[in-house]
Structures are given as C-alpha cells and as structure tokens.
PDB file of N, CA and C in Angstrom:
ATOM      1  N   MET A   1     213.778 -30.646 -37.552  1.00  0.00           N
ATOM      2  CA  MET A   1     213.244 -29.314 -37.407  1.00  0.00           C
ATOM      3  C   MET A   1     212.305 -29.286 -36.175  1.00  0.00           C
ATOM      4  N   PHE A   2     211.241 -28.509 -36.247  1.00  0.00           N
ATOM      5  CA  PHE A   2     210.276 -28.393 -35.157  1.00  0.00           C
ATOM      6  C   PHE A   2     209.153 -29.405 -35.325  1.00  0.00           C
ATOM      7  N   GLU A   3     208.744 -29.945 -34.211  1.00  0.00           N
ATOM      8  CA  GLU A   3     207.483 -30.725 -34.216  1.00  0.00           C
ATOM      9  C   GLU A   3     206.336 -29.731 -33.980  1.00  0.00           C
ATOM     10  N   PHE A   4     205.136 -30.177 -34.135  1.00  0.00           N
ATOM     11  CA  PHE A   4     203.993 -29.253 -34.047  1.00  0.00           C
ATOM     12  C   PHE A   4     203.859 -28.693 -32.645  1.00  0.00           C
ATOM     13  N   ASP A   5     204.105 -29.477 -31.585  1.00  0.00           N
ATOM     14  CA  ASP A   5     203.998 -28.984 -30.216  1.00  0.00           C
ATOM     15  C   ASP A   5     205.053 -27.901 -29.952  1.00  0.00           C
ATOM     16  N   GLN A   6     206.250 -28.112 -30.459  1.00  0.00           N
ATOM     17  CA  GLN A   6     207.278 -27.081 -30.261  1.00  0.00           C
ATOM     18  C   GLN A   6     206.941 -25.819 -31.027  1.00  0.00           C
ATOM     19  N   TYR A   7     206.370 -25.984 -32.175  1.00  0.00           N
ATOM     20  CA  TYR A   7     205.942 -24.815 -32.996  1.00  0.00           C
ATOM     21  C   TYR A   7     204.892 -23.998 -32.250  1.00  0.00           C
ATOM     22  N   LEU A   8     203.895 -24.677 -31.657  1.00  0.00           N
ATOM     23  CA  LEU A   8     202.871 -23.962 -30.876  1.00  0.00           C
ATOM     24  C   LEU A   8     203.472 -23.289 -29.662  1.00  0.00           C
ATOM     25  N   GLY A   9     204.411 -23.928 -29.005  1.00  0.00           N
ATOM     26  CA  GLY A   9     205.072 -23.327 -27.846  1.00  0.00           C
ATOM     27  C   GLY A   9     205.857 -22.081 -28.247  1.00  0.00           C
ATOM     28  N   PHE A  10     206.537 -22.154 -29.365  1.00  0.00           N
ATOM     29  CA  PHE A  10     207.308 -21.008 -29.842  1.00  0.00           C
ATOM     30  C   PHE A  10     206.404 -19.840 -30.228  1.00  0.00           C
ATOM     31  N   ILE A  11     205.302 -20.144 -30.904  1.00  0.00           N
ATOM     32  CA  ILE A  11     204.350 -19.081 -31.275  1.00  0.00           C
ATOM     33  C   ILE A  11     203.712 -18.486 -30.009  1.00  0.00           C
ATOM     34  N   SER A  12     203.390 -19.327 -29.026  1.00  0.00           N
ATOM     35  CA  SER A  12     202.850 -18.811 -27.767  1.00  0.00           C
ATOM     36  C   SER A  12     203.841 -17.884 -27.082  1.00  0.00           C
ATOM     37  N   PHE A  13     205.102 -18.307 -27.044  1.00  0.00           N
ATOM     38  CA  PHE A  13     206.141 -17.488 -26.427  1.00  0.00           C
ATOM     39  C   PHE A  13     206.254 -16.141 -27.133  1.00  0.00           C
ATOM     40  N   LEU A  14     206.298 -16.135 -28.449  1.00  0.00           N
ATOM     41  CA  LEU A  14     206.408 -14.875 -29.176  1.00  0.00           C
ATOM     42  C   LEU A  14     205.189 -13.983 -28.946  1.00  0.00           C
ATOM     43  N   THR A  15     203.988 -14.585 -28.865  1.00  0.00           N
ATOM     44  CA  THR A  15     202.777 -13.812 -28.612  1.00  0.00           C
ATOM     45  C   THR A  15     202.825 -13.162 -27.237  1.00  0.00           C
ATOM     46  N   ILE A  16     203.200 -13.889 -26.210  1.00  0.00           N
ATOM     47  CA  ILE A  16     203.278 -13.335 -24.854  1.00  0.00           C
ATOM     48  C   ILE A  16     204.356 -12.283 -24.796  1.00  0.00           C
ATOM     49  N   LEU A  17     205.502 -12.505 -25.421  1.00  0.00           N
ATOM     50  CA  LEU A  17     206.573 -11.496 -25.442  1.00  0.00           C
ATOM     51  C   LEU A  17     206.107 -10.223 -26.136  1.00  0.00           C
ATOM     52  N   THR A  18     205.418 -10.337 -27.224  1.00  0.00           N
ATOM     53  CA  THR A  18     204.940  -9.181 -27.965  1.00  0.00           C
ATOM     54  C   THR A  18     203.902  -8.405 -27.148  1.00  0.00           C
ATOM     55  N   ILE A  19     202.961  -9.103 -26.541  1.00  0.00           N
ATOM     56  CA  ILE A  19     201.959  -8.472 -25.719  1.00  0.00           C
ATOM     57  C   ILE A  19     202.618  -7.736 -24.560  1.00  0.00           C
ATOM     58  N   GLY A  20     203.587  -8.350 -23.908  1.00  0.00           N
ATOM     59  CA  GLY A  20     204.316  -7.705 -22.799  1.00  0.00           C
ATOM     60  C   GLY A  20     205.054  -6.456 -23.296  1.00  0.00           C
ATOM     61  N   PHE A  21     205.684  -6.534 -24.436  1.00  0.00           N
ATOM     62  CA  PHE A  21     206.414  -5.386 -24.971  1.00  0.00           C
ATOM     63  C   PHE A  21     205.470  -4.208 -25.211  1.00  0.00           C
ATOM     64  N   TRP A  22     204.354  -4.436 -25.870  1.00  0.00           N
ATOM     65  CA  TRP A  22     203.437  -3.348 -26.175  1.00  0.00           C
ATOM     66  C   TRP A  22     202.740  -2.834 -24.900  1.00  0.00           C
ATOM     67  N   LEU A  23     202.519  -3.702 -23.947  1.00  0.00           N
ATOM     68  CA  LEU A  23     201.953  -3.269 -22.668  1.00  0.00           C
ATOM     69  C   LEU A  23     202.920  -2.327 -21.949  1.00  0.00           C
ATOM     70  N   MET A  24     204.206  -2.657 -21.935  1.00  0.00           N
ATOM     71  CA  MET A  24     205.194  -1.775 -21.317  1.00  0.00           C
ATOM     72  C   MET A  24     205.276  -0.444 -22.029  1.00  0.00           C
ATOM     73  N   ILE A  25     205.236  -0.441 -23.361  1.00  0.00           N
ATOM     74  CA  ILE A  25     205.275   0.795 -24.103  1.00  0.00           C
ATOM     75  C   ILE A  25     204.037   1.649 -23.755  1.00  0.00           C
ATOM     76  N   PHE A  26     202.879   1.040 -23.715  1.00  0.00           N
ATOM     77  CA  PHE A  26     201.646   1.749 -23.392  1.00  0.00           C
ATOM     78  C   PHE A  26     201.706   2.312 -21.982  1.00  0.00           C
ATOM     79  N   LEU A  27     202.186   1.529 -21.004  1.00  0.00           N
ATOM     80  CA  LEU A  27     202.258   2.007 -19.650  1.00  0.00           C
ATOM     81  C   LEU A  27     203.240   3.164 -19.506  1.00  0.00           C
ATOM     82  N   LEU A  28     204.394   3.066 -20.117  1.00  0.00           N
ATOM     83  CA  LEU A  28     205.416   4.087 -19.962  1.00  0.00           C
ATOM     84  C   LEU A  28     205.110   5.376 -20.715  1.00  0.00           C
ATOM     85  N   THR A  29     204.334   5.289 -21.784  1.00  0.00           N
ATOM     86  CA  THR A  29     204.054   6.508 -22.569  1.00  0.00           C
ATOM     87  C   THR A  29     202.714   7.148 -22.292  1.00  0.00           C
ATOM     88  N   PHE A  30     201.773   6.422 -21.700  1.00  0.00           N
ATOM     89  CA  PHE A  30     200.451   7.009 -21.490  1.00  0.00           C
ATOM     90  C   PHE A  30     199.984   6.905 -20.033  1.00  0.00           C
ATOM     91  N   VAL A  31     199.943   5.736 -19.464  1.00  0.00           N
ATOM     92  CA  VAL A  31     199.329   5.522 -18.156  1.00  0.00           C
ATOM     93  C   VAL A  31     200.126   6.213 -17.023  1.00  0.00           C
ATOM     94  N   ILE A  32     201.415   5.986 -16.977  1.00  0.00           N
ATOM     95  CA  ILE A  32     202.218   6.531 -15.883  1.00  0.00           C
ATOM     96  C   ILE A  32     202.284   8.075 -15.942  1.00  0.00           C
ATOM     97  N   PRO A  33     202.538   8.701 -17.112  1.00  0.00           N
ATOM     98  CA  PRO A  33     202.500  10.169 -17.131  1.00  0.00           C
ATOM     99  C   PRO A  33     201.107  10.731 -16.772  1.00  0.00           C
ATOM    100  N   TYR A  34     200.034  10.071 -17.263  1.00  0.00           N
ATOM    101  CA  TYR A  34     198.676  10.523 -16.950  1.00  0.00           C
ATOM    102  C   TYR A  34     198.453  10.473 -15.430  1.00  0.00           C
ATOM    103  N   TRP A  35     198.894   9.431 -14.794  1.00  0.00           N
ATOM    104  CA  TRP A  35     198.734   9.229 -13.368  1.00  0.00           C
ATOM    105  C   TRP A  35     199.565  10.288 -12.591  1.00  0.00           C
ATOM    106  N   LEU A  36     200.800  10.509 -13.022  1.00  0.00           N
ATOM    107  CA  LEU A  36     201.659  11.480 -12.349  1.00  0.00           C
ATOM    108  C   LEU A  36     201.118  12.903 -12.452  1.00  0.00           C
ATOM    109  N   PHE A  37     200.764  13.331 -13.668  1.00  0.00           N
ATOM    110  CA  PHE A  37     200.253  14.690 -13.848  1.00  0.00           C
ATOM    111  C   PHE A  37     198.928  14.881 -13.124  1.00  0.00           C
ATOM    112  N   GLY A  38     198.079  13.880 -13.110  1.00  0.00           N
ATOM    113  CA  GLY A  38     196.824  13.953 -12.374  1.00  0.00           C
ATOM    114  C   GLY A  38     197.042  14.055 -10.889  1.00  0.00           C
ATOM    115  N   SER A  39     197.998  13.301 -10.358  1.00  0.00           N
ATOM    116  CA  SER A  39     198.313  13.367  -8.932  1.00  0.00           C
ATOM    117  C   SER A  39     198.863  14.728  -8.560  1.00  0.00           C
ATOM    118  N   ILE A  40     199.759  15.259  -9.378  1.00  0.00           N
ATOM    119  CA  ILE A  40     200.323  16.579  -9.073  1.00  0.00           C
ATOM    120  C   ILE A  40     199.246  17.670  -9.132  1.00  0.00           C
ATOM    121  N   LYS A  41     198.366  17.565 -10.143  1.00  0.00           N
ATOM    122  CA  LYS A  41     197.280  18.534 -10.261  1.00  0.00           C
ATOM    123  C   LYS A  41     196.356  18.492  -9.029  1.00  0.00           C
ATOM    124  N   GLU A  42     195.992  17.295  -8.587  1.00  0.00           N
ATOM    125  CA  GLU A  42     195.154  17.147  -7.406  1.00  0.00           C
ATOM    126  C   GLU A  42     195.852  17.673  -6.138  1.00  0.00           C
ATOM    127  N   TYR A  43     197.141  17.429  -6.034  1.00  0.00           N
ATOM    128  CA  TYR A  43     197.916  17.882  -4.877  1.00  0.00           C
ATOM    129  C   TYR A  43     197.937  19.410  -4.828  1.00  0.00           C
ATOM    130  N   LEU A  44     198.149  20.065  -5.985  1.00  0.00           N
ATOM    131  CA  LEU A  44     198.160  21.531  -6.040  1.00  0.00           C
ATOM    132  C   LEU A  44     196.785  22.102  -5.750  1.00  0.00           C
ATOM    133  N   LYS A  45     195.720  21.451  -6.252  1.00  0.00           N
ATOM    134  CA  LYS A  45     194.377  21.914  -6.007  1.00  0.00           C
ATOM    135  C   LYS A  45     194.051  21.817  -4.512  1.00  0.00           C
ATOM    136  N   TYR A  46     194.491  20.725  -3.880  1.00  0.00           N
ATOM    137  CA  TYR A  46     194.268  20.523  -2.458  1.00  0.00           C
ATOM    138  C   TYR A  46     194.985  21.611  -1.665  1.00  0.00           C
ATOM    139  N   GLY A  47     196.208  21.950  -2.054  1.00  0.00           N
ATOM    140  CA  GLY A  47     196.962  22.988  -1.364  1.00  0.00           C
ATOM    141  C   GLY A  47     196.301  24.359  -1.479  1.00  0.00           C
ATOM    142  N   ARG A  48     195.784  24.670  -2.686  1.00  0.00           N
ATOM    143  CA  ARG A  48     195.087  25.964  -2.871  1.00  0.00           C
ATOM    144  C   ARG A  48     193.842  26.024  -2.027  1.00  0.00           C
ATOM    145  N   ASN A  49     193.070  24.953  -2.000  1.00  0.00           N
ATOM    146  CA  ASN A  49     191.835  24.925  -1.188  1.00  0.00           C
ATOM    147  C   ASN A  49     192.152  25.043   0.283  1.00  0.00           C
ATOM    148  N   LYS A  50     193.237  24.449   0.724  1.00  0.00           N
ATOM    149  CA  LYS A  50     193.608  24.523   2.138  1.00  0.00           C
ATOM    150  C   LYS A  50     193.964  25.932   2.511  1.00  0.00           C
ATOM    151  N   LYS A  51     194.706  26.643   1.642  1.00  0.00           N
ATOM    152  CA  LYS A  51     195.078  28.039   1.898  1.00  0.00           C
ATOM    153  C   LYS A  51     193.833  28.943   1.941  1.00  0.00           C
ATOM    154  N   ASN A  52     192.929  28.730   1.016  1.00  0.00           N
ATOM    155  CA  ASN A  52     191.687  29.500   0.996  1.00  0.00           C
ATOM    156  C   ASN A  52     190.855  29.308   2.243  1.00  0.00           C
ATOM    157  N   LEU A  53     190.783  28.082   2.727  1.00  0.00           N
ATOM    158  CA  LEU A  53     190.016  27.812   3.930  1.00  0.00           C
ATOM    159  C   LEU A  53     190.701  28.462   5.142  1.00  0.00           C
ATOM    160  N   GLU A  54     192.012  28.437   5.205  1.00  0.00           N
ATOM    161  CA  GLU A  54     192.700  29.092   6.318  1.00  0.00           C
ATOM    162  C   GLU A  54     192.479  30.588   6.307  1.00  0.00           C
ATOM    163  N   LYS A  55     192.495  31.214   5.115  1.00  0.00           N
ATOM    164  CA  LYS A  55     192.245  32.650   5.006  1.00  0.00           C
ATOM    165  C   LYS A  55     190.808  32.988   5.461  1.00  0.00           C
ATOM    166  N   LYS A  56     189.850  32.178   5.069  1.00  0.00           N
ATOM    167  CA  LYS A  56     188.459  32.421   5.482  1.00  0.00           C
ATOM    168  C   LYS A  56     188.301  32.304   6.989  1.00  0.00           C
ATOM    169  N   ASN A  57     188.988  31.303   7.606  1.00  0.00           N
ATOM    170  CA  ASN A  57     188.897  31.109   9.013  1.00  0.00           C
ATOM    171  C   ASN A  57     189.553  32.247   9.798  1.00  0.00           C
ATOM    172  N   GLN A  58     190.609  32.829   9.254  1.00  0.00           N
ATOM    173  CA  GLN A  58     191.282  33.931   9.924  1.00  0.00           C
ATOM    174  C   GLN A  58     190.458  35.206   9.869  1.00  0.00           C
ATOM    175  N   LYS A  59     189.658  35.403   8.798  1.00  0.00           N
ATOM    176  CA  LYS A  59     188.844  36.594   8.700  1.00  0.00           C
ATOM    177  C   LYS A  59     187.665  36.579   9.692  1.00  0.00           C
ATOM    178  N   LYS A  60     187.233  35.389  10.042  1.00  0.00           N
ATOM    179  CA  LYS A  60     186.090  35.300  10.958  1.00  0.00           C
ATOM    180  C   LYS A  60     186.482  35.573  12.347  1.00  0.00           C
TER     181      LYS A  60
END
C-alpha cells in the first residue's frame, strides 16, 4: 500500500488541487466580473466627463 511519505505527498497534492480549484471558481465568479464592470463604468464616466468639458470649452 502507501508508505507515510507517499501518503503525505498525496494529501499535499489533493490540498493544492483543491485550493487551485476554489481559487479559479472565485476568480471566474467574482473578481473578473467585478473588474470588468468597474472598468466599463470608469470608461463611461470618463467619456461623459470628456463630453462635458468639450461643451464647456465651446461655450467660452
């Protein structure tokens, strides 16, 4: 069967695999959408501010 060193290696492998799996789930369901929606929101805000500044400059 398994010796103790092999058992520890197998448990370490399963631990790292599980941590990687949950990290990918977390990144794909929370971090990446949060980053994308935040970036789009900032891009739209920047565009609105740019248009407002151009209108103010044209009035002067």
